[in-house]
PDB file of N, CA and C in Angstrom:
ATOM      1  N   MET A   1      24.552  -6.460  17.372  1.00  0.00           N
ATOM      2  CA  MET A   1      23.415  -5.562  17.247  1.00  0.00           C
ATOM      3  C   MET A   1      23.583  -4.400  18.296  1.00  0.00           C
ATOM      4  N   PRO A   2      23.316  -3.155  17.931  1.00  0.00           N
ATOM      5  CA  PRO A   2      23.478  -2.055  18.834  1.00  0.00           C
ATOM      6  C   PRO A   2      22.505  -2.166  20.007  1.00  0.00           C
ATOM      7  N   LYS A   3      22.860  -1.569  21.135  1.00  0.00           N
ATOM      8  CA  LYS A   3      21.982  -1.584  22.275  1.00  0.00           C
ATOM      9  C   LYS A   3      20.681  -0.944  21.984  1.00  0.00           C
ATOM     10  N   ARG A   4      20.747   0.160  21.162  1.00  0.00           N
ATOM     11  CA  ARG A   4      19.567   0.893  20.810  1.00  0.00           C
ATOM     12  C   ARG A   4      19.802   1.475  19.381  1.00  0.00           C
ATOM     13  N   LYS A   5      18.753   1.882  18.785  1.00  0.00           N
ATOM     14  CA  LYS A   5      18.878   2.466  17.442  1.00  0.00           C
ATOM     15  C   LYS A   5      19.482   3.891  17.623  1.00  0.00           C
ATOM     16  N   PRO A   6      20.195   4.359  16.588  1.00  0.00           N
ATOM     17  CA  PRO A   6      20.838   5.681  16.702  1.00  0.00           C
ATOM     18  C   PRO A   6      19.830   6.785  17.066  1.00  0.00           C
ATOM     19  N   GLU A   7      18.603   6.742  16.464  1.00  0.00           N
ATOM     20  CA  GLU A   7      17.634   7.825  16.769  1.00  0.00           C
ATOM     21  C   GLU A   7      17.144   7.746  18.239  1.00  0.00           C
ATOM     22  N   GLU A   8      17.128   6.505  18.799  1.00  0.00           N
ATOM     23  CA  GLU A   8      16.766   6.356  20.207  1.00  0.00           C
ATOM     24  C   GLU A   8      17.887   6.948  21.084  1.00  0.00           C
ATOM     25  N   PHE A   9      19.112   6.705  20.636  1.00  0.00           N
ATOM     26  CA  PHE A   9      20.243   7.254  21.397  1.00  0.00           C
ATOM     27  C   PHE A   9      20.161   8.762  21.446  1.00  0.00           C
ATOM     28  N   VAL A  10      19.916   9.387  20.304  1.00  0.00           N
ATOM     29  CA  VAL A  10      19.813  10.847  20.207  1.00  0.00           C
ATOM     30  C   VAL A  10      18.692  11.392  21.038  1.00  0.00           C
ATOM     31  N   GLN A  11      17.535  10.758  20.992  1.00  0.00           N
ATOM     32  CA  GLN A  11      16.398  11.176  21.814  1.00  0.00           C
ATOM     33  C   GLN A  11      16.712  11.084  23.315  1.00  0.00           C
ATOM     34  N   GLU A  12      17.266   9.954  23.717  1.00  0.00           N
ATOM     35  CA  GLU A  12      17.596   9.766  25.130  1.00  0.00           C
ATOM     36  C   GLU A  12      18.641  10.811  25.559  1.00  0.00           C
ATOM     37  N   ARG A  13      19.653  11.017  24.723  1.00  0.00           N
ATOM     38  CA  ARG A  13      20.708  11.977  25.065  1.00  0.00           C
ATOM     39  C   ARG A  13      20.138  13.369  25.244  1.00  0.00           C
ATOM     40  N   GLU A  14      19.258  13.786  24.346  1.00  0.00           N
ATOM     41  CA  GLU A  14      18.668  15.112  24.420  1.00  0.00           C
ATOM     42  C   GLU A  14      17.819  15.240  25.689  1.00  0.00           C
ATOM     43  N   ARG A  15      17.045  14.154  26.020  1.00  0.00           N
ATOM     44  CA  ARG A  15      16.245  14.153  27.229  1.00  0.00           C
ATOM     45  C   ARG A  15      17.164  14.303  28.477  1.00  0.00           C
ATOM     46  N   LEU A  16      18.224  13.534  28.508  1.00  0.00           N
ATOM     47  CA  LEU A  16      19.113  13.556  29.677  1.00  0.00           C
ATOM     48  C   LEU A  16      19.867  14.874  29.813  1.00  0.00           C
ATOM     49  N   ILE A  17      20.249  15.466  28.681  1.00  0.00           N
ATOM     50  CA  ILE A  17      20.922  16.759  28.731  1.00  0.00           C
ATOM     51  C   ILE A  17      19.972  17.783  29.261  1.00  0.00           C
ATOM     52  N   LYS A  18      18.719  17.807  28.812  1.00  0.00           N
ATOM     53  CA  LYS A  18      17.758  18.790  29.294  1.00  0.00           C
ATOM     54  C   LYS A  18      17.578  18.622  30.809  1.00  0.00           C
ATOM     55  N   ASN A  19      17.436  17.386  31.271  1.00  0.00           N
ATOM     56  CA  ASN A  19      17.267  17.132  32.709  1.00  0.00           C
ATOM     57  C   ASN A  19      18.505  17.579  33.461  1.00  0.00           C
ATOM     58  N   MET A  20      19.707  17.215  32.979  1.00  0.00           N
ATOM     59  CA  MET A  20      20.941  17.569  33.670  1.00  0.00           C
ATOM     60  C   MET A  20      21.096  19.115  33.753  1.00  0.00           C
ATOM     61  N   SER A  21      20.705  19.789  32.726  1.00  0.00           N
ATOM     62  CA  SER A  21      20.932  21.245  32.714  1.00  0.00           C
ATOM     63  C   SER A  21      20.110  21.974  33.763  1.00  0.00           C
ATOM     64  N   GLN A  22      19.080  21.307  34.315  1.00  0.00           N
ATOM     65  CA  GLN A  22      18.281  21.887  35.403  1.00  0.00           C
ATOM     66  C   GLN A  22      19.087  21.932  36.692  1.00  0.00           C
ATOM     67  N   TYR A  23      20.065  21.049  36.798  1.00  0.00           N
ATOM     68  CA  TYR A  23      20.758  20.815  38.108  1.00  0.00           C
ATOM     69  C   TYR A  23      22.236  21.208  38.058  1.00  0.00           C
ATOM     70  N   CYS A  24      22.901  21.063  36.894  1.00  0.00           N
ATOM     71  CA  CYS A  24      24.366  21.316  36.908  1.00  0.00           C
ATOM     72  C   CYS A  24      24.617  22.792  36.956  1.00  0.00           C
ATOM     73  N   GLY A  25      25.728  23.172  37.446  1.00  0.00           N
ATOM     74  CA  GLY A  25      26.088  24.562  37.584  1.00  0.00           C
ATOM     75  C   GLY A  25      26.638  25.156  36.295  1.00  0.00           C
ATOM     76  N   GLN A  26      26.942  26.452  36.385  1.00  0.00           N
ATOM     77  CA  GLN A  26      27.410  27.205  35.251  1.00  0.00           C
ATOM     78  C   GLN A  26      28.751  26.649  34.707  1.00  0.00           C
ATOM     79  N   ASN A  27      29.661  26.242  35.586  1.00  0.00           N
ATOM     80  CA  ASN A  27      30.924  25.723  35.122  1.00  0.00           C
ATOM     81  C   ASN A  27      30.758  24.468  34.301  1.00  0.00           C
ATOM     82  N   ALA A  28      29.867  23.582  34.732  1.00  0.00           N
ATOM     83  CA  ALA A  28      29.572  22.372  33.927  1.00  0.00           C
ATOM     84  C   ALA A  28      29.011  22.753  32.568  1.00  0.00           C
ATOM     85  N   LYS A  29      28.120  23.740  32.561  1.00  0.00           N
ATOM     86  CA  LYS A  29      27.587  24.154  31.287  1.00  0.00           C
ATOM     87  C   LYS A  29      28.611  24.734  30.363  1.00  0.00           C
ATOM     88  N   ARG A  30      29.569  25.439  30.906  1.00  0.00           N
ATOM     89  CA  ARG A  30      30.645  25.981  30.111  1.00  0.00           C
ATOM     90  C   ARG A  30      31.532  24.903  29.526  1.00  0.00           C
ATOM     91  N   SER A  31      31.775  23.842  30.299  1.00  0.00           N
ATOM     92  CA  SER A  31      32.602  22.726  29.770  1.00  0.00           C
ATOM     93  C   SER A  31      31.885  22.036  28.653  1.00  0.00           C
ATOM     94  N   PHE A  32      30.589  21.885  28.732  1.00  0.00           N
ATOM     95  CA  PHE A  32      29.776  21.246  27.646  1.00  0.00           C
ATOM     96  C   PHE A  32      29.795  22.118  26.405  1.00  0.00           C
ATOM     97  N   HIS A  33      29.739  23.416  26.589  1.00  0.00           N
ATOM     98  CA  HIS A  33      29.804  24.352  25.457  1.00  0.00           C
ATOM     99  C   HIS A  33      31.155  24.226  24.753  1.00  0.00           C
ATOM    100  N   LEU A  34      32.211  24.174  25.535  1.00  0.00           N
ATOM    101  CA  LEU A  34      33.561  24.046  24.948  1.00  0.00           C
ATOM    102  C   LEU A  34      33.639  22.719  24.199  1.00  0.00           C
ATOM    103  N   ASP A  35      33.132  21.646  24.751  1.00  0.00           N
ATOM    104  CA  ASP A  35      33.179  20.332  24.127  1.00  0.00           C
ATOM    105  C   ASP A  35      32.548  20.414  22.739  1.00  0.00           C
ATOM    106  N   ALA A  36      31.430  21.045  22.607  1.00  0.00           N
ATOM    107  CA  ALA A  36      30.749  21.183  21.309  1.00  0.00           C
ATOM    108  C   ALA A  36      31.579  21.961  20.297  1.00  0.00           C
ATOM    109  N   HIS A  37      32.294  22.946  20.756  1.00  0.00           N
ATOM    110  CA  HIS A  37      33.015  23.819  19.840  1.00  0.00           C
ATOM    111  C   HIS A  37      34.339  23.202  19.332  1.00  0.00           C
ATOM    112  N   VAL A  38      34.970  22.361  20.112  1.00  0.00           N
ATOM    113  CA  VAL A  38      36.311  21.828  19.662  1.00  0.00           C
ATOM    114  C   VAL A  38      36.176  20.897  18.455  1.00  0.00           C
ATOM    115  N   TYR A  39      34.996  20.407  18.173  1.00  0.00           N
ATOM    116  CA  TYR A  39      34.799  19.516  17.041  1.00  0.00           C
ATOM    117  C   TYR A  39      34.438  20.232  15.743  1.00  0.00           C
ATOM    118  N   LYS A  40      34.401  21.545  15.776  1.00  0.00           N
ATOM    119  CA  LYS A  40      34.106  22.354  14.577  1.00  0.00           C
ATOM    120  C   LYS A  40      35.350  22.463  13.725  1.00  0.00           C
ATOM    121  N   ASP A  41      35.162  22.822  12.432  1.00  0.00           N
ATOM    122  CA  ASP A  41      36.286  23.011  11.532  1.00  0.00           C
ATOM    123  C   ASP A  41      37.269  23.991  12.107  1.00  0.00           C
ATOM    124  N   GLY A  42      38.536  23.703  11.988  1.00  0.00           N
ATOM    125  CA  GLY A  42      39.641  24.559  12.441  1.00  0.00           C
ATOM    126  C   GLY A  42      40.815  24.178  11.605  1.00  0.00           C
ATOM    127  N   ALA A  43      42.046  24.052  12.209  1.00  0.00           N
ATOM    128  CA  ALA A  43      43.192  23.614  11.489  1.00  0.00           C
ATOM    129  C   ALA A  43      42.917  22.188  10.967  1.00  0.00           C
ATOM    130  N   LEU A  44      42.166  21.433  11.735  1.00  0.00           N
ATOM    131  CA  LEU A  44      41.706  20.150  11.309  1.00  0.00           C
ATOM    132  C   LEU A  44      40.238  20.222  10.962  1.00  0.00           C
ATOM    133  N   PRO A  45      39.833  19.570   9.830  1.00  0.00           N
ATOM    134  CA  PRO A  45      38.424  19.579   9.529  1.00  0.00           C
ATOM    135  C   PRO A  45      37.597  18.859  10.581  1.00  0.00           C
ATOM    136  N   ALA A  46      36.318  19.208  10.685  1.00  0.00           N
ATOM    137  CA  ALA A  46      35.408  18.590  11.654  1.00  0.00           C
ATOM    138  C   ALA A  46      35.385  17.073  11.460  1.00  0.00           C
ATOM    139  N   LYS A  47      35.421  16.670  10.209  1.00  0.00           N
ATOM    140  CA  LYS A  47      35.414  15.221   9.883  1.00  0.00           C
ATOM    141  C   LYS A  47      36.570  14.457  10.571  1.00  0.00           C
ATOM    142  N   THR A  48      37.729  15.045  10.517  1.00  0.00           N
ATOM    143  CA  THR A  48      38.936  14.452  11.143  1.00  0.00           C
ATOM    144  C   THR A  48      38.811  14.414  12.641  1.00  0.00           C
ATOM    145  N   LYS A  49      38.288  15.607  13.169  1.00  0.00           N
ATOM    146  CA  LYS A  49      38.126  15.653  14.634  1.00  0.00           C
ATOM    147  C   LYS A  49      37.141  14.609  15.162  1.00  0.00           C
ATOM    148  N   GLU A  50      36.079  14.344  14.398  1.00  0.00           N
ATOM    149  CA  GLU A  50      35.110  13.316  14.825  1.00  0.00           C
ATOM    150  C   GLU A  50      35.730  11.954  14.770  1.00  0.00           C
ATOM    151  N   LEU A  51      36.591  11.702  13.797  1.00  0.00           N
ATOM    152  CA  LEU A  51      37.267  10.403  13.767  1.00  0.00           C
ATOM    153  C   LEU A  51      38.245  10.235  14.957  1.00  0.00           C
ATOM    154  N   LEU A  52      38.908  11.352  15.314  1.00  0.00           N
ATOM    155  CA  LEU A  52      39.779  11.355  16.497  1.00  0.00           C
ATOM    156  C   LEU A  52      38.965  11.086  17.757  1.00  0.00           C
ATOM    157  N   GLY A  53      37.818  11.700  17.869  1.00  0.00           N
ATOM    158  CA  GLY A  53      36.934  11.492  19.026  1.00  0.00           C
ATOM    159  C   GLY A  53      36.446  10.051  19.045  1.00  0.00           C
ATOM    160  N   LEU A  54      36.157   9.502  17.886  1.00  0.00           N
ATOM    161  CA  LEU A  54      35.763   8.121  17.785  1.00  0.00           C
ATOM    162  C   LEU A  54      36.825   7.135  18.268  1.00  0.00           C
ATOM    163  N   VAL A  55      38.044   7.376  17.820  1.00  0.00           N
ATOM    164  CA  VAL A  55      39.144   6.525  18.225  1.00  0.00           C
ATOM    165  C   VAL A  55      39.381   6.632  19.746  1.00  0.00           C
ATOM    166  N   ALA A  56      39.378   7.825  20.261  1.00  0.00           N
ATOM    167  CA  ALA A  56      39.539   8.013  21.713  1.00  0.00           C
ATOM    168  C   ALA A  56      38.417   7.324  22.468  1.00  0.00           C
ATOM    169  N   SER A  57      37.212   7.424  21.986  1.00  0.00           N
ATOM    170  CA  SER A  57      36.085   6.777  22.667  1.00  0.00           C
ATOM    171  C   SER A  57      36.208   5.249  22.629  1.00  0.00           C
ATOM    172  N   LEU A  58      36.669   4.723  21.499  1.00  0.00           N
ATOM    173  CA  LEU A  58      36.863   3.273  21.438  1.00  0.00           C
ATOM    174  C   LEU A  58      37.907   2.782  22.424  1.00  0.00           C
ATOM    175  N   VAL A  59      39.017   3.530  22.451  1.00  0.00           N
ATOM    176  CA  VAL A  59      40.080   3.188  23.366  1.00  0.00           C
ATOM    177  C   VAL A  59      39.599   3.244  24.846  1.00  0.00           C
ATOM    178  N   LEU A  60      38.774   4.215  25.131  1.00  0.00           N
ATOM    179  CA  LEU A  60      38.233   4.374  26.519  1.00  0.00           C
ATOM    180  C   LEU A  60      37.025   3.462  26.733  1.00  0.00           C
ATOM    181  N   ARG A  61      36.524   2.824  25.666  1.00  0.00           N
ATOM    182  CA  ARG A  61      35.444   1.883  25.742  1.00  0.00           C
ATOM    183  C   ARG A  61      34.148   2.486  26.301  1.00  0.00           C
ATOM    184  N   CYS A  62      33.857   3.674  25.778  1.00  0.00           N
ATOM    185  CA  CYS A  62      32.650   4.396  26.135  1.00  0.00           C
ATOM    186  C   CYS A  62      31.601   4.259  25.022  1.00  0.00           C
ATOM    187  N   ASP A  63      30.685   3.310  25.189  1.00  0.00           N
ATOM    188  CA  ASP A  63      29.713   3.035  24.112  1.00  0.00           C
ATOM    189  C   ASP A  63      28.858   4.287  23.767  1.00  0.00           C
ATOM    190  N   ASP A  64      28.445   5.065  24.776  1.00  0.00           N
ATOM    191  CA  ASP A  64      27.668   6.279  24.504  1.00  0.00           C
ATOM    192  C   ASP A  64      28.493   7.237  23.629  1.00  0.00           C
ATOM    193  N   CYS A  65      29.784   7.416  23.966  1.00  0.00           N
ATOM    194  CA  CYS A  65      30.651   8.311  23.180  1.00  0.00           C
ATOM    195  C   CYS A  65      30.883   7.758  21.800  1.00  0.00           C
ATOM    196  N   ILE A  66      31.065   6.427  21.685  1.00  0.00           N
ATOM    197  CA  ILE A  66      31.240   5.826  20.383  1.00  0.00           C
ATOM    198  C   ILE A  66      30.009   6.088  19.544  1.00  0.00           C
ATOM    199  N   ASP A  67      28.797   5.865  20.088  1.00  0.00           N
ATOM    200  CA  ASP A  67      27.592   6.137  19.298  1.00  0.00           C
ATOM    201  C   ASP A  67      27.489   7.588  18.881  1.00  0.00           C
ATOM    202  N   TYR A  68      27.805   8.507  19.796  1.00  0.00           N
ATOM    203  CA  TYR A  68      27.760   9.902  19.479  1.00  0.00           C
ATOM    204  C   TYR A  68      28.664  10.228  18.306  1.00  0.00           C
ATOM    205  N   HIS A  69      29.901   9.783  18.365  1.00  0.00           N
ATOM    206  CA  HIS A  69      30.865  10.110  17.315  1.00  0.00           C
ATOM    207  C   HIS A  69      30.554   9.421  16.034  1.00  0.00           C
ATOM    208  N   LEU A  70      30.000   8.183  16.128  1.00  0.00           N
ATOM    209  CA  LEU A  70      29.553   7.541  14.860  1.00  0.00           C
ATOM    210  C   LEU A  70      28.469   8.336  14.182  1.00  0.00           C
ATOM    211  N   ILE A  71      27.537   8.846  14.916  1.00  0.00           N
ATOM    212  CA  ILE A  71      26.432   9.658  14.349  1.00  0.00           C
ATOM    213  C   ILE A  71      27.046  10.920  13.731  1.00  0.00           C
ATOM    214  N   LYS A  72      27.973  11.563  14.444  1.00  0.00           N
ATOM    215  CA  LYS A  72      28.622  12.764  13.885  1.00  0.00           C
ATOM    216  C   LYS A  72      29.461  12.465  12.667  1.00  0.00           C
ATOM    217  N   CYS A  73      30.187  11.307  12.682  1.00  0.00           N
ATOM    218  CA  CYS A  73      30.963  10.895  11.492  1.00  0.00           C
ATOM    219  C   CYS A  73      30.028  10.666  10.342  1.00  0.00           C
ATOM    220  N   HIS A  74      28.893  10.053  10.550  1.00  0.00           N
ATOM    221  CA  HIS A  74      27.937   9.796   9.493  1.00  0.00           C
ATOM    222  C   HIS A  74      27.424  11.118   8.925  1.00  0.00           C
ATOM    223  N   GLU A  75      27.132  12.056   9.799  1.00  0.00           N
ATOM    224  CA  GLU A  75      26.689  13.381   9.333  1.00  0.00           C
ATOM    225  C   GLU A  75      27.724  14.085   8.551  1.00  0.00           C
ATOM    226  N   ASN A  76      29.031  13.836   8.864  1.00  0.00           N
ATOM    227  CA  ASN A  76      30.118  14.440   8.168  1.00  0.00           C
ATOM    228  C   ASN A  76      30.579  13.621   6.939  1.00  0.00           C
ATOM    229  N   GLU A  77      29.770  12.627   6.559  1.00  0.00           N
ATOM    230  CA  GLU A  77      29.929  11.810   5.395  1.00  0.00           C
ATOM    231  C   GLU A  77      31.275  11.081   5.365  1.00  0.00           C
ATOM    232  N   ILE A  78      31.644  10.528   6.489  1.00  0.00           N
ATOM    233  CA  ILE A  78      32.840   9.683   6.593  1.00  0.00           C
ATOM    234  C   ILE A  78      32.562   8.430   5.744  1.00  0.00           C
ATOM    235  N   ALA A  79      33.549   8.052   4.877  1.00  0.00           N
ATOM    236  CA  ALA A  79      33.407   6.854   4.050  1.00  0.00           C
ATOM    237  C   ALA A  79      33.640   5.608   4.922  1.00  0.00           C
ATOM    238  N   ASP A  80      33.067   4.496   4.466  1.00  0.00           N
ATOM    239  CA  ASP A  80      33.254   3.246   5.188  1.00  0.00           C
ATOM    240  C   ASP A  80      34.729   2.908   5.396  1.00  0.00           C
ATOM    241  N   GLU A  81      35.528   3.207   4.372  1.00  0.00           N
ATOM    242  CA  GLU A  81      36.965   2.895   4.440  1.00  0.00           C
ATOM    243  C   GLU A  81      37.659   3.769   5.524  1.00  0.00           C
ATOM    244  N   GLU A  82      37.256   5.035   5.620  1.00  0.00           N
ATOM    245  CA  GLU A  82      37.800   5.919   6.645  1.00  0.00           C
ATOM    246  C   GLU A  82      37.461   5.433   8.049  1.00  0.00           C
ATOM    247  N   LEU A  83      36.177   5.007   8.163  1.00  0.00           N
ATOM    248  CA  LEU A  83      35.735   4.503   9.438  1.00  0.00           C
ATOM    249  C   LEU A  83      36.512   3.271   9.796  1.00  0.00           C
ATOM    250  N   ALA A  84      36.747   2.350   8.863  1.00  0.00           N
ATOM    251  CA  ALA A  84      37.466   1.106   9.114  1.00  0.00           C
ATOM    252  C   ALA A  84      38.888   1.373   9.591  1.00  0.00           C
ATOM    253  N   GLU A  85      39.550   2.339   8.909  1.00  0.00           N
ATOM    254  CA  GLU A  85      40.892   2.661   9.297  1.00  0.00           C
ATOM    255  C   GLU A  85      40.989   3.250  10.693  1.00  0.00           C
ATOM    256  N   ALA A  86      40.060   4.169  10.981  1.00  0.00           N
ATOM    257  CA  ALA A  86      40.027   4.807  12.305  1.00  0.00           C
ATOM    258  C   ALA A  86      39.795   3.744  13.397  1.00  0.00           C
ATOM    259  N   LEU A  87      38.785   2.881  13.185  1.00  0.00           N
ATOM    260  CA  LEU A  87      38.482   1.875  14.230  1.00  0.00           C
ATOM    261  C   LEU A  87      39.642   0.881  14.368  1.00  0.00           C
ATOM    262  N   THR A  88      40.348   0.606  13.280  1.00  0.00           N
ATOM    263  CA  THR A  88      41.519  -0.288  13.384  1.00  0.00           C
ATOM    264  C   THR A  88      42.615   0.350  14.209  1.00  0.00           C
ATOM    265  N   ILE A  89      42.808   1.626  14.037  1.00  0.00           N
ATOM    266  CA  ILE A  89      43.806   2.335  14.929  1.00  0.00           C
ATOM    267  C   ILE A  89      43.368   2.216  16.382  1.00  0.00           C
ATOM    268  N   GLY A  90      42.099   2.489  16.650  1.00  0.00           N
ATOM    269  CA  GLY A  90      41.612   2.341  18.010  1.00  0.00           C
ATOM    270  C   GLY A  90      41.775   0.914  18.582  1.00  0.00           C
ATOM    271  N   ARG A  91      41.579  -0.047  17.730  1.00  0.00           N
ATOM    272  CA  ARG A  91      41.786  -1.452  18.137  1.00  0.00           C
ATOM    273  C   ARG A  91      43.227  -1.739  18.470  1.00  0.00           C
ATOM    274  N   ILE A  92      44.161  -1.211  17.652  1.00  0.00           N
ATOM    275  CA  ILE A  92      45.600  -1.458  17.900  1.00  0.00           C
ATOM    276  C   ILE A  92      46.018  -0.760  19.207  1.00  0.00           C
ATOM    277  N   VAL A  93      45.550   0.509  19.387  1.00  0.00           N
ATOM    278  CA  VAL A  93      45.940   1.277  20.574  1.00  0.00           C
ATOM    279  C   VAL A  93      45.294   0.662  21.810  1.00  0.00           C
ATOM    280  N   GLY A  94      44.010   0.315  21.676  1.00  0.00           N
ATOM    281  CA  GLY A  94      43.243  -0.110  22.820  1.00  0.00           C
ATOM    282  C   GLY A  94      43.373  -1.597  23.161  1.00  0.00           C
ATOM    283  N   GLY A  95      43.804  -2.363  22.237  1.00  0.00           N
ATOM    284  CA  GLY A  95      43.978  -3.790  22.478  1.00  0.00           C
ATOM    285  C   GLY A  95      42.671  -4.595  22.255  1.00  0.00           C
ATOM    286  N   SER A  96      42.765  -5.887  22.455  1.00  0.00           N
ATOM    287  CA  SER A  96      41.669  -6.796  22.155  1.00  0.00           C
ATOM    288  C   SER A  96      40.431  -6.494  22.975  1.00  0.00           C
ATOM    289  N   ILE A  97      40.561  -5.793  24.097  1.00  0.00           N
ATOM    290  CA  ILE A  97      39.383  -5.478  24.917  1.00  0.00           C
ATOM    291  C   ILE A  97      38.423  -4.575  24.184  1.00  0.00           C
ATOM    292  N   THR A  98      38.872  -3.891  23.145  1.00  0.00           N
ATOM    293  CA  THR A  98      38.002  -3.021  22.393  1.00  0.00           C
ATOM    294  C   THR A  98      37.153  -3.757  21.338  1.00  0.00           C
ATOM    295  N   ILE A  99      37.405  -5.013  21.099  1.00  0.00           N
ATOM    296  CA  ILE A  99      36.717  -5.770  20.022  1.00  0.00           C
ATOM    297  C   ILE A  99      35.178  -5.763  20.232  1.00  0.00           C
ATOM    298  N   PRO A 100      34.689  -6.040  21.411  1.00  0.00           N
ATOM    299  CA  PRO A 100      33.193  -5.958  21.504  1.00  0.00           C
ATOM    300  C   PRO A 100      32.629  -4.563  21.218  1.00  0.00           C
ATOM    301  N   HIS A 101      33.384  -3.534  21.513  1.00  0.00           N
ATOM    302  CA  HIS A 101      32.930  -2.187  21.265  1.00  0.00           C
ATOM    303  C   HIS A 101      32.992  -1.917  19.725  1.00  0.00           C
ATOM    304  N   MET A 102      33.960  -2.505  19.053  1.00  0.00           N
ATOM    305  CA  MET A 102      34.034  -2.403  17.606  1.00  0.00           C
ATOM    306  C   MET A 102      32.842  -3.076  16.955  1.00  0.00           C
ATOM    307  N   ARG A 103      32.494  -4.224  17.459  1.00  0.00           N
ATOM    308  CA  ARG A 103      31.336  -4.971  16.926  1.00  0.00           C
ATOM    309  C   ARG A 103      30.080  -4.119  17.037  1.00  0.00           C
ATOM    310  N   ARG A 104      29.885  -3.503  18.188  1.00  0.00           N
ATOM    311  CA  ARG A 104      28.703  -2.665  18.372  1.00  0.00           C
ATOM    312  C   ARG A 104      28.793  -1.399  17.489  1.00  0.00           C
ATOM    313  N   ALA A 105      30.019  -0.879  17.359  1.00  0.00           N
ATOM    314  CA  ALA A 105      30.159   0.308  16.452  1.00  0.00           C
ATOM    315  C   ALA A 105      29.815   0.015  15.066  1.00  0.00           C
ATOM    316  N   TYR A 106      30.252  -1.135  14.535  1.00  0.00           N
ATOM    317  CA  TYR A 106      29.884  -1.509  13.175  1.00  0.00           C
ATOM    318  C   TYR A 106      28.383  -1.753  13.044  1.00  0.00           C
ATOM    319  N   ALA A 107      27.778  -2.318  14.069  1.00  0.00           N
ATOM    320  CA  ALA A 107      26.305  -2.521  14.031  1.00  0.00           C
ATOM    321  C   ALA A 107      25.587  -1.185  14.001  1.00  0.00           C
ATOM    322  N   THR A 108      26.043  -0.197  14.771  1.00  0.00           N
ATOM    323  CA  THR A 108      25.448   1.118  14.764  1.00  0.00           C
ATOM    324  C   THR A 108      25.700   1.779  13.389  1.00  0.00           C
ATOM    325  N   TRP A 109      26.887   1.648  12.835  1.00  0.00           N
ATOM    326  CA  TRP A 109      27.149   2.208  11.509  1.00  0.00           C
ATOM    327  C   TRP A 109      26.231   1.599  10.448  1.00  0.00           C
ATOM    328  N   ASP A 110      26.054   0.309  10.563  1.00  0.00           N
ATOM    329  CA  ASP A 110      25.161  -0.393   9.603  1.00  0.00           C
ATOM    330  C   ASP A 110      23.744   0.156   9.700  1.00  0.00           C
ATOM    331  N   GLU A 111      23.284   0.428  10.919  1.00  0.00           N
ATOM    332  CA  GLU A 111      21.944   0.958  11.127  1.00  0.00           C
ATOM    333  C   GLU A 111      21.848   2.396  10.536  1.00  0.00           C
ATOM    334  N   LEU A 112      22.889   3.184  10.750  1.00  0.00           N
ATOM    335  CA  LEU A 112      22.912   4.545  10.158  1.00  0.00           C
ATOM    336  C   LEU A 112      22.893   4.465   8.641  1.00  0.00           C
ATOM    337  N   GLU A 113      23.624   3.531   8.040  1.00  0.00           N
ATOM    338  CA  GLU A 113      23.664   3.413   6.599  1.00  0.00           C
ATOM    339  C   GLU A 113      22.304   2.927   6.080  1.00  0.00           C
ATOM    340  N   ARG A 114      21.653   2.036   6.757  1.00  0.00           N
ATOM    341  CA  ARG A 114      20.305   1.539   6.336  1.00  0.00           C
ATOM    342  C   ARG A 114      19.299   2.671   6.404  1.00  0.00           C
ATOM    343  N   GLU A 115      19.370   3.487   7.439  1.00  0.00           N
ATOM    344  CA  GLU A 115      18.463   4.640   7.560  1.00  0.00           C
ATOM    345  C   GLU A 115      18.691   5.654   6.461  1.00  0.00           C
ATOM    346  N   ARG A 116      19.947   5.914   6.149  1.00  0.00           N
ATOM    347  CA  ARG A 116      20.286   6.858   5.068  1.00  0.00           C
ATOM    348  C   ARG A 116      19.736   6.427   3.708  1.00  0.00           C
ATOM    349  N   LYS A 117      19.747   5.125   3.472  1.00  0.00           N
ATOM    350  CA  LYS A 117      19.331   4.592   2.168  1.00  0.00           C
ATOM    351  C   LYS A 117      17.827   4.534   2.006  1.00  0.00           C
ATOM    352  N   LYS A 118      17.065   4.749   3.086  1.00  0.00           N
ATOM    353  CA  LYS A 118      15.615   4.730   3.009  1.00  0.00           C
ATOM    354  C   LYS A 118      15.052   5.953   2.248  1.00  0.00           C
TER     355      LYS A 118
END
C-alpha cells in the first residue's frame, strides 16, 4: 500500500514547493525550472523521458521521485506493460534492494488506475 494517495502526494509537494520558494535562491529556482523542461517532448517523447526518470528514481530508491514519475507516466498514458518493462529494468540495474520500492510503485499505480476508472 502506498504511503499516501497520489493526490495527497501532489498536494503536499505543491505546499512544500511554495514554502521552499520563499527561501531558496535564484540559482535553485533556475535548476528547478530546468528540471521541469527536460521532461518535455524533444528527440525523445515526454512519455519515454518519464519512464527514464522512473527507472532512475527506482535505482536511487527515492519514493517521492518514484511517485512523481508514476503520476507523470499515468498522465502520459503509459500502458501497464510499458510500466512493467521499465520497472523490471530498474530492478535489474538496482538489484533486489529495489523490490520494496517496486511494491510501493505498483500500489501507487493501482491507486492511479482506480481513480482514473471512477
